[in-house]
Structure formats: structure tokens, C-alpha cells
Amino acid sequence: MVPILEELGVDAEWKVIQRELRFLDVTGKIHGVLQGYAEAITKEIRQYHFEMSRKNAEGCELDTNAVLIHHP
């Protein structure tokens, strides 16, 4: 994706977030819900996801027009 954007004149870069197994499990559940699967997304799960996302955002310089987040 980055090489294609750069070919189009977009100043793009690739960053990898910090992750742990629990975070990958939570994002997998959220992905399932978005696809229509019945998953329990509890308040604890939402809070954990928010906190991990906040920590990852602290490590990113976000002086930009757009951010693309990809989770396969």
C-alpha cells in the first residue's frame, strides 16, 4: 500500500503498533462482530481496547490528514 501511495505523490509511511495476545484476541472479536457474528463485547473488553489504542496512539506522530488502520 505504501509504495502505491508514494507513486501517487502521497507522503506515506508504515507503522506497526504494540500488541499482545489479548489485544489480538479482542480485535478479532470486534472484527467478528462487524461481520455479523455473535460475540460478547463487554465493558471490560471495550476499556482494554481503548487503553491499548490510546497507548499505541501516543507512540505515533499524527500530524497528518489521514490514518489508515489495517488489521488482517
C-alpha atoms as a PDB file:
ATOM      1  CA  MET A   1       0.000   0.000   0.000  1.00  0.00           C
ATOM      2  CA  VAL A   2       2.753   2.480   0.921  1.00  0.00           C
ATOM      3  CA  PRO A   3       4.580   2.184  -2.431  1.00  0.00           C
ATOM      4  CA  ILE A   4       1.324   2.769  -4.330  1.00  0.00           C
ATOM      5  CA  LEU A   5       0.521   5.855  -2.252  1.00  0.00           C
ATOM      6  CA  GLU A   6       4.044   7.208  -2.750  1.00  0.00           C
ATOM      7  CA  GLU A   7       3.685   6.685  -6.526  1.00  0.00           C
ATOM      8  CA  LEU A   8       0.586   8.875  -6.321  1.00  0.00           C
ATOM      9  CA  GLY A   9       2.564  11.599  -4.547  1.00  0.00           C
ATOM     10  CA  VAL A  10       1.277  10.847  -1.053  1.00  0.00           C
ATOM     11  CA  ASP A  11       3.832  11.090   1.762  1.00  0.00           C
ATOM     12  CA  ALA A  12       3.081   7.719   3.389  1.00  0.00           C
ATOM     13  CA  GLU A  13       4.719   5.532   5.992  1.00  0.00           C
ATOM     14  CA  TRP A  14       4.065   2.172   7.652  1.00  0.00           C
ATOM     15  CA  LYS A  15       3.916   1.823  11.422  1.00  0.00           C
ATOM     16  CA  VAL A  16       3.402  -1.309  13.479  1.00  0.00           C
ATOM     17  CA  ILE A  17       1.554  -0.990  16.775  1.00  0.00           C
ATOM     18  CA  GLN A  18       2.473  -2.668  20.030  1.00  0.00           C
ATOM     19  CA  ARG A  19       0.341  -5.697  20.563  1.00  0.00           C
ATOM     20  CA  GLU A  20      -0.068  -8.606  22.873  1.00  0.00           C
ATOM     21  CA  LEU A  21      -2.090 -11.783  22.515  1.00  0.00           C
ATOM     22  CA  ARG A  22      -5.051 -10.413  24.454  1.00  0.00           C
ATOM     23  CA  PHE A  23      -5.214  -7.354  22.193  1.00  0.00           C
ATOM     24  CA  LEU A  24      -5.199  -9.562  19.097  1.00  0.00           C
ATOM     25  CA  ASP A  25      -7.991 -11.649  20.632  1.00  0.00           C
ATOM     26  CA  VAL A  26     -10.070  -8.540  21.355  1.00  0.00           C
ATOM     27  CA  THR A  27      -9.583  -7.078  17.874  1.00  0.00           C
ATOM     28  CA  GLY A  28     -10.522 -10.479  16.446  1.00  0.00           C
ATOM     29  CA  LYS A  29     -13.791 -10.416  18.413  1.00  0.00           C
ATOM     30  CA  ILE A  30     -14.549  -6.889  17.217  1.00  0.00           C
ATOM     31  CA  HIS A  31     -13.840  -7.981  13.645  1.00  0.00           C
ATOM     32  CA  GLY A  32     -16.251 -10.884  14.090  1.00  0.00           C
ATOM     33  CA  VAL A  33     -18.997  -8.599  15.379  1.00  0.00           C
ATOM     34  CA  LEU A  34     -18.542  -6.307  12.374  1.00  0.00           C
ATOM     35  CA  GLN A  35     -19.061  -9.342  10.151  1.00  0.00           C
ATOM     36  CA  GLY A  36     -22.255 -10.305  11.969  1.00  0.00           C
ATOM     37  CA  TYR A  37     -21.026 -12.948  14.417  1.00  0.00           C
ATOM     38  CA  ALA A  38     -22.473 -13.000  17.921  1.00  0.00           C
ATOM     39  CA  GLU A  39     -19.669 -12.053  20.311  1.00  0.00           C
ATOM     40  CA  ALA A  40     -19.840 -10.637  23.817  1.00  0.00           C
ATOM     41  CA  ILE A  41     -18.086  -7.261  23.804  1.00  0.00           C
ATOM     42  CA  THR A  42     -18.138  -6.407  27.492  1.00  0.00           C
ATOM     43  CA  LYS A  43     -17.342  -3.115  29.165  1.00  0.00           C
ATOM     44  CA  GLU A  44     -14.016  -4.622  30.272  1.00  0.00           C
ATOM     45  CA  ILE A  45     -13.138  -5.571  26.687  1.00  0.00           C
ATOM     46  CA  ARG A  46     -14.056  -2.109  25.409  1.00  0.00           C
ATOM     47  CA  GLN A  47     -11.973  -0.443  28.136  1.00  0.00           C
ATOM     48  CA  TYR A  48      -8.978  -2.686  27.438  1.00  0.00           C
ATOM     49  CA  HIS A  49      -9.194  -1.979  23.693  1.00  0.00           C
ATOM     50  CA  PHE A  50      -9.479   1.763  24.331  1.00  0.00           C
ATOM     51  CA  GLU A  51      -6.472   1.750  26.675  1.00  0.00           C
ATOM     52  CA  MET A  52      -4.275  -0.232  24.269  1.00  0.00           C
ATOM     53  CA  SER A  53      -5.330   2.026  21.385  1.00  0.00           C
ATOM     54  CA  ARG A  54      -4.509   5.104  23.475  1.00  0.00           C
ATOM     55  CA  LYS A  55      -1.047   3.732  24.308  1.00  0.00           C
ATOM     56  CA  ASN A  56      -0.388   2.976  20.653  1.00  0.00           C
ATOM     57  CA  ALA A  57      -1.565   6.424  19.579  1.00  0.00           C
ATOM     58  CA  GLU A  58       0.905   8.024  21.997  1.00  0.00           C
ATOM     59  CA  GLY A  59       3.727   6.448  20.007  1.00  0.00           C
ATOM     60  CA  CYS A  60       2.509   7.829  16.690  1.00  0.00           C
ATOM     61  CA  GLU A  61       3.094  11.242  15.280  1.00  0.00           C
ATOM     62  CA  LEU A  62      -0.360  12.082  13.969  1.00  0.00           C
ATOM     63  CA  ASP A  63       0.267  15.451  12.309  1.00  0.00           C
ATOM     64  CA  THR A  64      -1.443  14.194   9.177  1.00  0.00           C
ATOM     65  CA  ASN A  65      -4.560  14.372   7.055  1.00  0.00           C
ATOM     66  CA  ALA A  66      -5.445  10.700   7.203  1.00  0.00           C
ATOM     67  CA  VAL A  67      -4.604   7.492   9.060  1.00  0.00           C
ATOM     68  CA  LEU A  68      -5.312   4.034   7.658  1.00  0.00           C
ATOM     69  CA  ILE A  69      -5.528   1.222  10.162  1.00  0.00           C
ATOM     70  CA  HIS A  70      -5.300  -2.324   8.856  1.00  0.00           C
ATOM     71  CA  HIS A  71      -5.845  -5.498  10.818  1.00  0.00           C
ATOM     72  CA  PRO A  72      -5.877  -8.644   8.713  1.00  0.00           C
END
